Amino acid sequence: MSDNNKIHTEEHIMKLSFIGSVVFMLVEGLMAYLTNSHSILMDFVFDITDLIMIGPFLLLVPLLYKPVTERRPYGFSQVESLFLVIKYSILLIITFQLVIENVESIIQGGYELDAGAIAVFEFCVFAGCLVMYLLLSYYSKKYESDTVRAELYVWKLDVISSIGVALAFFAQIGLQKTSLSFIAPYIDPVVAIVMSLFLIVEPIKMIGISLKELVLFAPKKEIMDEIRMISEQRLISYSYELTFLDVIQTGRKTWVELYISSEDDKIKLSELHRIRDDIRNLLKKDFDQIYVEIIPDIDQ
């Protein structure tokens, strides 16, 4: 897929997600106000945070495909990593604040809500989010970047959380005429806390990955091993040895530097070009934007 097609596909996915987020944000915001439900408020906060971050990213997408220059040796790829750190950090801060508020509500004895209305509403939200997730998944088959995966993750969480909340409040309706009816006031804050703990796993994980990319640390061992294996297989057929592997991954771009040596101390540029192209083509299957350089290892 060409860069122009990638840009078009990614912008289309992000715009579709943006429209969906606006619709669900408005509906959930209104329902959270009418019912005073912290569970619905949790969904509303996540949607509005995601919405705020999608806008700037739509302007950023074309920059991510700008060519590397001497002035910007990594292009704008680190901006994407910074963007993800900011996005997930905001979600973490908001989530922790909501957890504290819900713990306080439990300590104060909880609160009564219209369980039936919330259960039906959340089931409708579940159906809508599921349609949106399947639609975005269909378009992402053409092209999927880290940011697109982040959007899919948010919609997947909306699907899971909304059906979870719906089931919880359907259960509350069943408890109201039993000896366990005293549990009812605690259902909403407990559900909101469980949702919060479930939702913070991915943000913490992505913040760690994006921070490593920002400071240009090597990617995880599995990625290094894959690149090393492919590189060594191609080099050995030309009687070259890989002496050092340097990999930098930031955003959707990956730079690979292969330092090589030769037993007879003879290195042919024509062979290096072929090897580089072969390795790059093999790595393109698993990496979006890959750059490969082969460098003779000169003793210090």
C-alpha atoms as a PDB file:
ATOM      1  CA  MET A   1       0.000   0.000   0.000  1.00  0.00           C
ATOM      2  CA  SER A   2       1.365   3.427  -0.982  1.00  0.00           C
ATOM      3  CA  ASP A   3       1.866   6.204   1.567  1.00  0.00           C
ATOM      4  CA  ASN A   4      -1.005   8.194   0.043  1.00  0.00           C
ATOM      5  CA  ASN A   5      -3.353   5.233   0.462  1.00  0.00           C
ATOM      6  CA  LYS A   6      -2.129   4.723   4.035  1.00  0.00           C
ATOM      7  CA  ILE A   7      -2.782   8.383   4.851  1.00  0.00           C
ATOM      8  CA  HIS A   8      -6.253   8.221   3.304  1.00  0.00           C
ATOM      9  CA  THR A   9      -7.134   4.985   5.125  1.00  0.00           C
ATOM     10  CA  GLU A  10      -5.863   6.197   8.491  1.00  0.00           C
ATOM     11  CA  GLU A  11      -7.595   9.563   8.187  1.00  0.00           C
ATOM     12  CA  HIS A  12     -10.832   7.787   7.211  1.00  0.00           C
ATOM     13  CA  ILE A  13     -10.615   5.501  10.268  1.00  0.00           C
ATOM     14  CA  MET A  14      -9.830   8.392  12.609  1.00  0.00           C
ATOM     15  CA  LYS A  15     -12.660  10.552  11.229  1.00  0.00           C
ATOM     16  CA  LEU A  16     -15.113   7.684  11.598  1.00  0.00           C
ATOM     17  CA  SER A  17     -13.947   7.132  15.170  1.00  0.00           C
ATOM     18  CA  PHE A  18     -14.228  10.876  15.809  1.00  0.00           C
ATOM     19  CA  ILE A  19     -17.864  10.980  14.634  1.00  0.00           C
ATOM     20  CA  GLY A  20     -18.736   7.905  16.671  1.00  0.00           C
ATOM     21  CA  SER A  21     -17.070   9.366  19.767  1.00  0.00           C
ATOM     22  CA  VAL A  22     -19.025  12.626  19.402  1.00  0.00           C
ATOM     23  CA  VAL A  23     -22.354  10.799  19.198  1.00  0.00           C
ATOM     24  CA  PHE A  24     -21.683   8.500  22.162  1.00  0.00           C
ATOM     25  CA  MET A  25     -20.144  11.300  24.212  1.00  0.00           C
ATOM     26  CA  LEU A  26     -23.252  13.484  23.878  1.00  0.00           C
ATOM     27  CA  VAL A  27     -25.648  10.634  24.684  1.00  0.00           C
ATOM     28  CA  GLU A  28     -23.596   9.366  27.645  1.00  0.00           C
ATOM     29  CA  GLY A  29     -23.062  12.873  28.994  1.00  0.00           C
ATOM     30  CA  LEU A  30     -26.811  13.498  28.975  1.00  0.00           C
ATOM     31  CA  MET A  31     -27.578  10.118  30.569  1.00  0.00           C
ATOM     32  CA  ALA A  32     -24.876  10.555  33.245  1.00  0.00           C
ATOM     33  CA  TYR A  33     -26.440  13.903  34.162  1.00  0.00           C
ATOM     34  CA  LEU A  34     -29.988  12.513  34.288  1.00  0.00           C
ATOM     35  CA  THR A  35     -29.169   9.344  36.266  1.00  0.00           C
ATOM     36  CA  ASN A  36     -26.143  10.523  38.296  1.00  0.00           C
ATOM     37  CA  SER A  37     -24.487   7.182  37.431  1.00  0.00           C
ATOM     38  CA  HIS A  38     -20.713   7.059  37.951  1.00  0.00           C
ATOM     39  CA  SER A  39     -20.462   4.067  35.618  1.00  0.00           C
ATOM     40  CA  ILE A  40     -21.932   6.060  32.735  1.00  0.00           C
ATOM     41  CA  LEU A  41     -19.800   9.017  33.795  1.00  0.00           C
ATOM     42  CA  MET A  42     -16.729   6.782  33.425  1.00  0.00           C
ATOM     43  CA  ASP A  43     -17.654   5.991  29.809  1.00  0.00           C
ATOM     44  CA  PHE A  44     -18.377   9.666  29.160  1.00  0.00           C
ATOM     45  CA  VAL A  45     -14.975  10.755  30.498  1.00  0.00           C
ATOM     46  CA  PHE A  46     -13.112   8.190  28.394  1.00  0.00           C
ATOM     47  CA  ASP A  47     -15.028   9.212  25.276  1.00  0.00           C
ATOM     48  CA  ILE A  48     -14.446  12.931  25.761  1.00  0.00           C
ATOM     49  CA  THR A  49     -10.734  12.362  26.444  1.00  0.00           C
ATOM     50  CA  ASP A  50     -10.419  10.265  23.311  1.00  0.00           C
ATOM     51  CA  LEU A  51     -12.349  12.872  21.355  1.00  0.00           C
ATOM     52  CA  ILE A  52     -10.081  15.701  22.477  1.00  0.00           C
ATOM     53  CA  MET A  53      -7.003  13.732  21.394  1.00  0.00           C
ATOM     54  CA  ILE A  54      -8.343  12.612  17.981  1.00  0.00           C
ATOM     55  CA  GLY A  55      -8.640  16.199  16.705  1.00  0.00           C
ATOM     56  CA  PRO A  56      -4.942  17.112  16.957  1.00  0.00           C
ATOM     57  CA  PHE A  57      -3.915  13.703  15.644  1.00  0.00           C
ATOM     58  CA  LEU A  58      -5.861  14.195  12.410  1.00  0.00           C
ATOM     59  CA  LEU A  59      -3.522  17.132  11.735  1.00  0.00           C
ATOM     60  CA  LEU A  60      -0.504  15.016  12.673  1.00  0.00           C
ATOM     61  CA  VAL A  61      -1.162  12.057  10.325  1.00  0.00           C
ATOM     62  CA  PRO A  62       0.300  13.620   7.113  1.00  0.00           C
ATOM     63  CA  LEU A  63       3.467  14.638   9.011  1.00  0.00           C
ATOM     64  CA  LEU A  64       4.148  11.008   9.969  1.00  0.00           C
ATOM     65  CA  TYR A  65       4.798  10.229   6.296  1.00  0.00           C
ATOM     66  CA  LYS A  66       7.233  13.074   5.710  1.00  0.00           C
ATOM     67  CA  PRO A  67      10.640  11.796   4.517  1.00  0.00           C
ATOM     68  CA  VAL A  68      13.622  11.703   6.865  1.00  0.00           C
ATOM     69  CA  THR A  69      15.997  14.668   6.490  1.00  0.00           C
ATOM     70  CA  GLU A  70      19.321  15.733   7.976  1.00  0.00           C
ATOM     71  CA  ARG A  71      17.477  18.247  10.113  1.00  0.00           C
ATOM     72  CA  ARG A  72      14.937  15.642  11.258  1.00  0.00           C
ATOM     73  CA  PRO A  73      16.762  12.276  11.170  1.00  0.00           C
ATOM     74  CA  TYR A  74      13.723  10.548  12.691  1.00  0.00           C
ATOM     75  CA  GLY A  75      11.119  12.620  10.877  1.00  0.00           C
ATOM     76  CA  PHE A  76       8.029  13.273  12.990  1.00  0.00           C
ATOM     77  CA  SER A  77       7.739   9.693  14.229  1.00  0.00           C
ATOM     78  CA  GLN A  78       8.618  10.558  17.830  1.00  0.00           C
ATOM     79  CA  VAL A  79       5.698  12.994  17.880  1.00  0.00           C
ATOM     80  CA  GLU A  80       3.369   9.985  17.629  1.00  0.00           C
ATOM     81  CA  SER A  81       5.028   8.353  20.646  1.00  0.00           C
ATOM     82  CA  LEU A  82       4.731  11.630  22.585  1.00  0.00           C
ATOM     83  CA  PHE A  83       1.077  11.903  21.523  1.00  0.00           C
ATOM     84  CA  LEU A  84       0.321   8.417  22.906  1.00  0.00           C
ATOM     85  CA  VAL A  85       2.116   9.189  26.192  1.00  0.00           C
ATOM     86  CA  ILE A  86       0.017  12.345  26.652  1.00  0.00           C
ATOM     87  CA  LYS A  87      -3.231  10.601  25.690  1.00  0.00           C
ATOM     88  CA  TYR A  88      -2.805   7.645  28.026  1.00  0.00           C
ATOM     89  CA  SER A  89      -1.418   9.769  30.867  1.00  0.00           C
ATOM     90  CA  ILE A  90      -4.562  11.905  30.791  1.00  0.00           C
ATOM     91  CA  LEU A  91      -6.701   8.760  30.895  1.00  0.00           C
ATOM     92  CA  LEU A  92      -4.710   7.459  33.875  1.00  0.00           C
ATOM     93  CA  ILE A  93      -5.078  10.688  35.850  1.00  0.00           C
ATOM     94  CA  ILE A  94      -8.810  10.855  35.213  1.00  0.00           C
ATOM     95  CA  THR A  95      -9.259   7.171  36.052  1.00  0.00           C
ATOM     96  CA  PHE A  96      -7.465   7.481  39.390  1.00  0.00           C
ATOM     97  CA  GLN A  97      -9.584  10.517  40.274  1.00  0.00           C
ATOM     98  CA  LEU A  98     -12.793   8.642  39.493  1.00  0.00           C
ATOM     99  CA  VAL A  99     -11.648   5.643  41.569  1.00  0.00           C
ATOM    100  CA  ILE A 100     -11.091   7.939  44.571  1.00  0.00           C
ATOM    101  CA  GLU A 101     -14.567   9.477  44.152  1.00  0.00           C
ATOM    102  CA  ASN A 102     -16.228   6.054  43.947  1.00  0.00           C
ATOM    103  CA  VAL A 103     -14.370   4.761  47.016  1.00  0.00           C
ATOM    104  CA  GLU A 104     -15.680   7.798  48.902  1.00  0.00           C
ATOM    105  CA  SER A 105     -19.210   6.995  47.686  1.00  0.00           C
ATOM    106  CA  ILE A 106     -18.953   3.428  49.024  1.00  0.00           C
ATOM    107  CA  ILE A 107     -17.693   4.691  52.396  1.00  0.00           C
ATOM    108  CA  GLN A 108     -20.663   7.081  52.556  1.00  0.00           C
ATOM    109  CA  GLY A 109     -23.143   4.224  51.964  1.00  0.00           C
ATOM    110  CA  GLY A 110     -23.562   4.272  48.199  1.00  0.00           C
ATOM    111  CA  TYR A 111     -26.611   5.675  46.387  1.00  0.00           C
ATOM    112  CA  GLU A 112     -29.820   4.491  44.736  1.00  0.00           C
ATOM    113  CA  LEU A 113     -30.271   4.681  40.949  1.00  0.00           C
ATOM    114  CA  ASP A 114     -32.879   3.728  38.359  1.00  0.00           C
ATOM    115  CA  ALA A 115     -31.300   0.359  37.592  1.00  0.00           C
ATOM    116  CA  GLY A 116     -33.736  -0.508  34.803  1.00  0.00           C
ATOM    117  CA  ALA A 117     -33.109   2.658  32.807  1.00  0.00           C
ATOM    118  CA  ILE A 118     -29.342   2.327  33.142  1.00  0.00           C
ATOM    119  CA  ALA A 119     -29.375  -1.379  32.202  1.00  0.00           C
ATOM    120  CA  VAL A 120     -31.383  -0.746  29.017  1.00  0.00           C
ATOM    121  CA  PHE A 121     -29.281   2.294  28.118  1.00  0.00           C
ATOM    122  CA  GLU A 122     -25.989   0.450  28.572  1.00  0.00           C
ATOM    123  CA  PHE A 123     -27.232  -2.466  26.476  1.00  0.00           C
ATOM    124  CA  CYS A 124     -28.061  -0.012  23.669  1.00  0.00           C
ATOM    125  CA  VAL A 125     -24.587   1.532  24.053  1.00  0.00           C
ATOM    126  CA  PHE A 126     -23.096  -1.962  23.867  1.00  0.00           C
ATOM    127  CA  ALA A 127     -24.878  -2.631  20.567  1.00  0.00           C
ATOM    128  CA  GLY A 128     -23.785   0.710  19.113  1.00  0.00           C
ATOM    129  CA  CYS A 129     -20.157   0.334  20.215  1.00  0.00           C
ATOM    130  CA  LEU A 130     -20.041  -3.208  18.838  1.00  0.00           C
ATOM    131  CA  VAL A 131     -21.196  -1.979  15.420  1.00  0.00           C
ATOM    132  CA  MET A 132     -18.573   0.794  15.502  1.00  0.00           C
ATOM    133  CA  TYR A 133     -15.801  -1.615  16.579  1.00  0.00           C
ATOM    134  CA  LEU A 134     -16.631  -4.090  13.803  1.00  0.00           C
ATOM    135  CA  LEU A 135     -16.766  -1.267  11.248  1.00  0.00           C
ATOM    136  CA  LEU A 136     -13.382   0.131  12.295  1.00  0.00           C
ATOM    137  CA  SER A 137     -11.904  -3.377  12.402  1.00  0.00           C
ATOM    138  CA  TYR A 138     -13.032  -3.902   8.808  1.00  0.00           C
ATOM    139  CA  TYR A 139     -11.329  -0.719   7.592  1.00  0.00           C
ATOM    140  CA  SER A 140      -8.204  -1.359   9.685  1.00  0.00           C
ATOM    141  CA  LYS A 141      -7.556  -4.594   7.761  1.00  0.00           C
ATOM    142  CA  LYS A 142      -6.261  -2.386   4.945  1.00  0.00           C
ATOM    143  CA  TYR A 143      -3.848  -0.553   7.235  1.00  0.00           C
ATOM    144  CA  GLU A 144      -3.305  -0.518  11.010  1.00  0.00           C
ATOM    145  CA  SER A 145      -0.895   1.811  12.817  1.00  0.00           C
ATOM    146  CA  ASP A 146      -0.200   2.095  16.562  1.00  0.00           C
ATOM    147  CA  THR A 147      -2.682   4.943  16.773  1.00  0.00           C
ATOM    148  CA  VAL A 148      -5.376   3.017  14.892  1.00  0.00           C
ATOM    149  CA  ARG A 149      -4.787   0.077  17.256  1.00  0.00           C
ATOM    150  CA  ALA A 150      -5.200   2.490  20.179  1.00  0.00           C
ATOM    151  CA  GLU A 151      -8.562   3.631  18.767  1.00  0.00           C
ATOM    152  CA  LEU A 152      -9.692   0.033  18.271  1.00  0.00           C
ATOM    153  CA  TYR A 153      -8.665  -0.707  21.857  1.00  0.00           C
ATOM    154  CA  VAL A 154     -10.795   2.163  23.174  1.00  0.00           C
ATOM    155  CA  TRP A 155     -13.839   0.935  21.233  1.00  0.00           C
ATOM    156  CA  LYS A 156     -13.248  -2.654  22.362  1.00  0.00           C
ATOM    157  CA  LEU A 157     -13.167  -1.453  25.962  1.00  0.00           C
ATOM    158  CA  ASP A 158     -16.430   0.427  25.372  1.00  0.00           C
ATOM    159  CA  VAL A 159     -18.009  -2.812  24.123  1.00  0.00           C
ATOM    160  CA  ILE A 160     -16.808  -4.815  27.134  1.00  0.00           C
ATOM    161  CA  SER A 161     -17.543  -2.151  29.744  1.00  0.00           C
ATOM    162  CA  SER A 162     -21.029  -1.329  28.465  1.00  0.00           C
ATOM    163  CA  ILE A 163     -22.201  -4.953  28.424  1.00  0.00           C
ATOM    164  CA  GLY A 164     -20.608  -5.436  31.863  1.00  0.00           C
ATOM    165  CA  VAL A 165     -22.481  -2.457  33.284  1.00  0.00           C
ATOM    166  CA  ALA A 166     -25.730  -3.582  31.639  1.00  0.00           C
ATOM    167  CA  LEU A 167     -25.454  -7.050  33.184  1.00  0.00           C
ATOM    168  CA  ALA A 168     -24.592  -5.563  36.588  1.00  0.00           C
ATOM    169  CA  PHE A 169     -27.719  -3.402  36.624  1.00  0.00           C
ATOM    170  CA  PHE A 170     -29.928  -6.182  35.295  1.00  0.00           C
ATOM    171  CA  ALA A 171     -28.612  -8.184  38.258  1.00  0.00           C
ATOM    172  CA  GLN A 172     -29.440  -5.276  40.587  1.00  0.00           C
ATOM    173  CA  ILE A 173     -33.064  -5.390  39.402  1.00  0.00           C
ATOM    174  CA  GLY A 174     -33.170  -9.052  40.371  1.00  0.00           C
ATOM    175  CA  LEU A 175     -31.695  -8.324  43.811  1.00  0.00           C
ATOM    176  CA  GLN A 176     -34.203  -5.622  44.735  1.00  0.00           C
ATOM    177  CA  LYS A 177     -36.838  -8.130  45.930  1.00  0.00           C
ATOM    178  CA  THR A 178     -34.435 -10.427  47.778  1.00  0.00           C
ATOM    179  CA  SER A 179     -32.577 -10.409  51.077  1.00  0.00           C
ATOM    180  CA  LEU A 180     -29.562  -9.025  49.173  1.00  0.00           C
ATOM    181  CA  SER A 181     -31.306  -5.766  48.321  1.00  0.00           C
ATOM    182  CA  PHE A 182     -28.926  -3.914  50.676  1.00  0.00           C
ATOM    183  CA  ILE A 183     -26.233  -4.397  48.021  1.00  0.00           C
ATOM    184  CA  ALA A 184     -28.105  -2.245  45.475  1.00  0.00           C
ATOM    185  CA  PRO A 185     -26.727   1.177  46.572  1.00  0.00           C
ATOM    186  CA  TYR A 186     -23.162  -0.081  46.073  1.00  0.00           C
ATOM    187  CA  ILE A 187     -23.583  -1.573  42.585  1.00  0.00           C
ATOM    188  CA  ASP A 188     -22.818   1.576  40.594  1.00  0.00           C
ATOM    189  CA  PRO A 189     -19.644   2.709  42.443  1.00  0.00           C
ATOM    190  CA  VAL A 190     -18.311  -0.868  42.598  1.00  0.00           C
ATOM    191  CA  VAL A 191     -18.893  -1.348  38.852  1.00  0.00           C
ATOM    192  CA  ALA A 192     -17.176   1.990  38.156  1.00  0.00           C
ATOM    193  CA  ILE A 193     -14.124   0.947  40.225  1.00  0.00           C
ATOM    194  CA  VAL A 194     -13.904  -2.464  38.518  1.00  0.00           C
ATOM    195  CA  MET A 195     -14.111  -0.756  35.143  1.00  0.00           C
ATOM    196  CA  SER A 196     -11.357   1.654  36.177  1.00  0.00           C
ATOM    197  CA  LEU A 197      -8.993  -1.117  37.274  1.00  0.00           C
ATOM    198  CA  PHE A 198      -9.669  -3.003  34.057  1.00  0.00           C
ATOM    199  CA  LEU A 199      -9.184   0.065  31.871  1.00  0.00           C
ATOM    200  CA  ILE A 200      -5.853   1.220  33.307  1.00  0.00           C
ATOM    201  CA  VAL A 201      -3.906  -1.892  32.213  1.00  0.00           C
ATOM    202  CA  GLU A 202      -3.476  -0.873  28.577  1.00  0.00           C
ATOM    203  CA  PRO A 203      -2.618   2.811  29.285  1.00  0.00           C
ATOM    204  CA  ILE A 204       0.168   1.784  31.684  1.00  0.00           C
ATOM    205  CA  LYS A 205       1.522  -0.676  29.120  1.00  0.00           C
ATOM    206  CA  MET A 206       1.405   1.826  26.240  1.00  0.00           C
ATOM    207  CA  ILE A 207       2.987   4.628  28.277  1.00  0.00           C
ATOM    208  CA  GLY A 208       5.945   2.338  29.029  1.00  0.00           C
ATOM    209  CA  ILE A 209       6.373   1.371  25.368  1.00  0.00           C
ATOM    210  CA  SER A 210       6.026   4.953  24.110  1.00  0.00           C
ATOM    211  CA  LEU A 211       8.524   6.301  26.683  1.00  0.00           C
ATOM    212  CA  LYS A 212      11.083   3.703  25.547  1.00  0.00           C
ATOM    213  CA  GLU A 213      10.530   4.827  21.972  1.00  0.00           C
ATOM    214  CA  LEU A 214      10.928   8.490  22.917  1.00  0.00           C
ATOM    215  CA  VAL A 215      14.350   7.891  24.508  1.00  0.00           C
ATOM    216  CA  LEU A 216      15.300   5.598  21.597  1.00  0.00           C
ATOM    217  CA  PHE A 217      15.755   2.415  23.608  1.00  0.00           C
ATOM    218  CA  ALA A 218      15.989  -0.843  21.686  1.00  0.00           C
ATOM    219  CA  PRO A 219      12.642  -2.623  21.156  1.00  0.00           C
ATOM    220  CA  LYS A 220      11.709  -5.765  23.077  1.00  0.00           C
ATOM    221  CA  LYS A 221      13.787  -8.927  22.755  1.00  0.00           C
ATOM    222  CA  GLU A 222      11.315 -10.724  20.440  1.00  0.00           C
ATOM    223  CA  ILE A 223      11.633  -7.957  17.840  1.00  0.00           C
ATOM    224  CA  MET A 224      15.425  -7.884  18.112  1.00  0.00           C
ATOM    225  CA  ASP A 225      15.620 -11.675  17.709  1.00  0.00           C
ATOM    226  CA  GLU A 226      13.400 -11.605  14.638  1.00  0.00           C
ATOM    227  CA  ILE A 227      15.496  -8.897  12.942  1.00  0.00           C
ATOM    228  CA  ARG A 228      18.740 -10.642  13.888  1.00  0.00           C
ATOM    229  CA  MET A 229      17.580 -13.996  12.509  1.00  0.00           C
ATOM    230  CA  ILE A 230      16.436 -12.563   9.162  1.00  0.00           C
ATOM    231  CA  SER A 231      19.611 -10.473   8.811  1.00  0.00           C
ATOM    232  CA  GLU A 232      22.002 -13.310   9.632  1.00  0.00           C
ATOM    233  CA  GLN A 233      20.268 -15.644   7.189  1.00  0.00           C
ATOM    234  CA  ARG A 234      20.802 -13.192   4.331  1.00  0.00           C
ATOM    235  CA  LEU A 235      24.337 -12.177   5.314  1.00  0.00           C
ATOM    236  CA  ILE A 236      25.699 -15.703   5.675  1.00  0.00           C
ATOM    237  CA  SER A 237      24.834 -16.571   2.080  1.00  0.00           C
ATOM    238  CA  TYR A 238      27.255 -13.820   1.009  1.00  0.00           C
ATOM    239  CA  SER A 239      29.959 -14.835   3.523  1.00  0.00           C
ATOM    240  CA  TYR A 240      29.425 -11.792   5.743  1.00  0.00           C
ATOM    241  CA  GLU A 241      29.123 -11.885   9.520  1.00  0.00           C
ATOM    242  CA  LEU A 242      26.844  -9.717  11.638  1.00  0.00           C
ATOM    243  CA  THR A 243      28.981  -8.179  14.388  1.00  0.00           C
ATOM    244  CA  PHE A 244      26.540  -5.682  15.873  1.00  0.00           C
ATOM    245  CA  LEU A 245      22.838  -4.947  15.524  1.00  0.00           C
ATOM    246  CA  ASP A 246      21.363  -1.522  16.294  1.00  0.00           C
ATOM    247  CA  VAL A 247      17.578  -1.116  16.172  1.00  0.00           C
ATOM    248  CA  ILE A 248      15.611   2.042  16.932  1.00  0.00           C
ATOM    249  CA  GLN A 249      11.830   1.965  16.919  1.00  0.00           C
ATOM    250  CA  THR A 250       9.748   5.072  17.460  1.00  0.00           C
ATOM    251  CA  GLY A 251       6.128   5.476  16.473  1.00  0.00           C
ATOM    252  CA  ARG A 252       5.552   3.527  13.276  1.00  0.00           C
ATOM    253  CA  LYS A 253       9.128   3.824  12.009  1.00  0.00           C
ATOM    254  CA  THR A 254      11.931   1.326  12.602  1.00  0.00           C
ATOM    255  CA  TRP A 255      15.609   1.905  11.828  1.00  0.00           C
ATOM    256  CA  VAL A 256      17.941  -1.084  11.535  1.00  0.00           C
ATOM    257  CA  GLU A 257      21.724  -0.725  11.343  1.00  0.00           C
ATOM    258  CA  LEU A 258      23.722  -3.867  10.615  1.00  0.00           C
ATOM    259  CA  TYR A 259      27.461  -3.767  11.290  1.00  0.00           C
ATOM    260  CA  ILE A 260      29.207  -6.495   9.311  1.00  0.00           C
ATOM    261  CA  SER A 261      32.656  -7.981   8.745  1.00  0.00           C
ATOM    262  CA  SER A 262      34.168 -10.287   6.115  1.00  0.00           C
ATOM    263  CA  GLU A 263      36.745 -13.040   6.519  1.00  0.00           C
ATOM    264  CA  ASP A 264      38.747 -11.989   3.445  1.00  0.00           C
ATOM    265  CA  ASP A 265      38.284  -8.310   4.310  1.00  0.00           C
ATOM    266  CA  LYS A 266      36.535  -7.712   0.974  1.00  0.00           C
ATOM    267  CA  ILE A 267      33.111  -6.084   0.876  1.00  0.00           C
ATOM    268  CA  LYS A 268      31.268  -5.507  -2.398  1.00  0.00           C
ATOM    269  CA  LEU A 269      28.837  -2.604  -2.563  1.00  0.00           C
ATOM    270  CA  SER A 270      26.662  -4.368  -5.137  1.00  0.00           C
ATOM    271  CA  GLU A 271      26.200  -7.264  -2.719  1.00  0.00           C
ATOM    272  CA  LEU A 272      25.374  -4.916   0.154  1.00  0.00           C
ATOM    273  CA  HIS A 273      22.645  -3.303  -1.932  1.00  0.00           C
ATOM    274  CA  ARG A 274      21.083  -6.676  -2.692  1.00  0.00           C
ATOM    275  CA  ILE A 275      21.322  -7.814   0.928  1.00  0.00           C
ATOM    276  CA  ARG A 276      19.828  -4.574   2.213  1.00  0.00           C
ATOM    277  CA  ASP A 277      16.898  -4.749  -0.224  1.00  0.00           C
ATOM    278  CA  ASP A 278      16.262  -8.424   0.607  1.00  0.00           C
ATOM    279  CA  ILE A 279      16.273  -7.793   4.367  1.00  0.00           C
ATOM    280  CA  ARG A 280      14.073  -4.723   4.039  1.00  0.00           C
ATOM    281  CA  ASN A 281      11.519  -6.579   1.899  1.00  0.00           C
ATOM    282  CA  LEU A 282      11.390  -9.454   4.394  1.00  0.00           C
ATOM    283  CA  LEU A 283      10.943  -7.088   7.346  1.00  0.00           C
ATOM    284  CA  LYS A 284       8.207  -5.090   5.591  1.00  0.00           C
ATOM    285  CA  LYS A 285       5.840  -7.965   6.312  1.00  0.00           C
ATOM    286  CA  ASP A 286       5.962  -7.177  10.043  1.00  0.00           C
ATOM    287  CA  PHE A 287       7.053  -3.519  10.183  1.00  0.00           C
ATOM    288  CA  ASP A 288       5.198  -0.547   8.749  1.00  0.00           C
ATOM    289  CA  GLN A 289       8.007   1.859   7.818  1.00  0.00           C
ATOM    290  CA  ILE A 290      11.388   0.117   7.921  1.00  0.00           C
ATOM    291  CA  TYR A 291      14.823   1.557   7.131  1.00  0.00           C
ATOM    292  CA  VAL A 292      17.843  -0.744   6.792  1.00  0.00           C
ATOM    293  CA  GLU A 293      21.486   0.262   6.581  1.00  0.00           C
ATOM    294  CA  ILE A 294      24.511  -2.042   6.309  1.00  0.00           C
ATOM    295  CA  ILE A 295      27.777  -0.662   7.700  1.00  0.00           C
ATOM    296  CA  PRO A 296      31.257  -2.243   7.543  1.00  0.00           C
ATOM    297  CA  ASP A 297      32.525  -2.760  11.098  1.00  0.00           C
ATOM    298  CA  ILE A 298      35.838  -0.922  11.288  1.00  0.00           C
ATOM    299  CA  ASP A 299      38.062  -1.649  14.287  1.00  0.00           C
ATOM    300  CA  GLN A 300      38.702   1.295  16.600  1.00  0.00           C
END
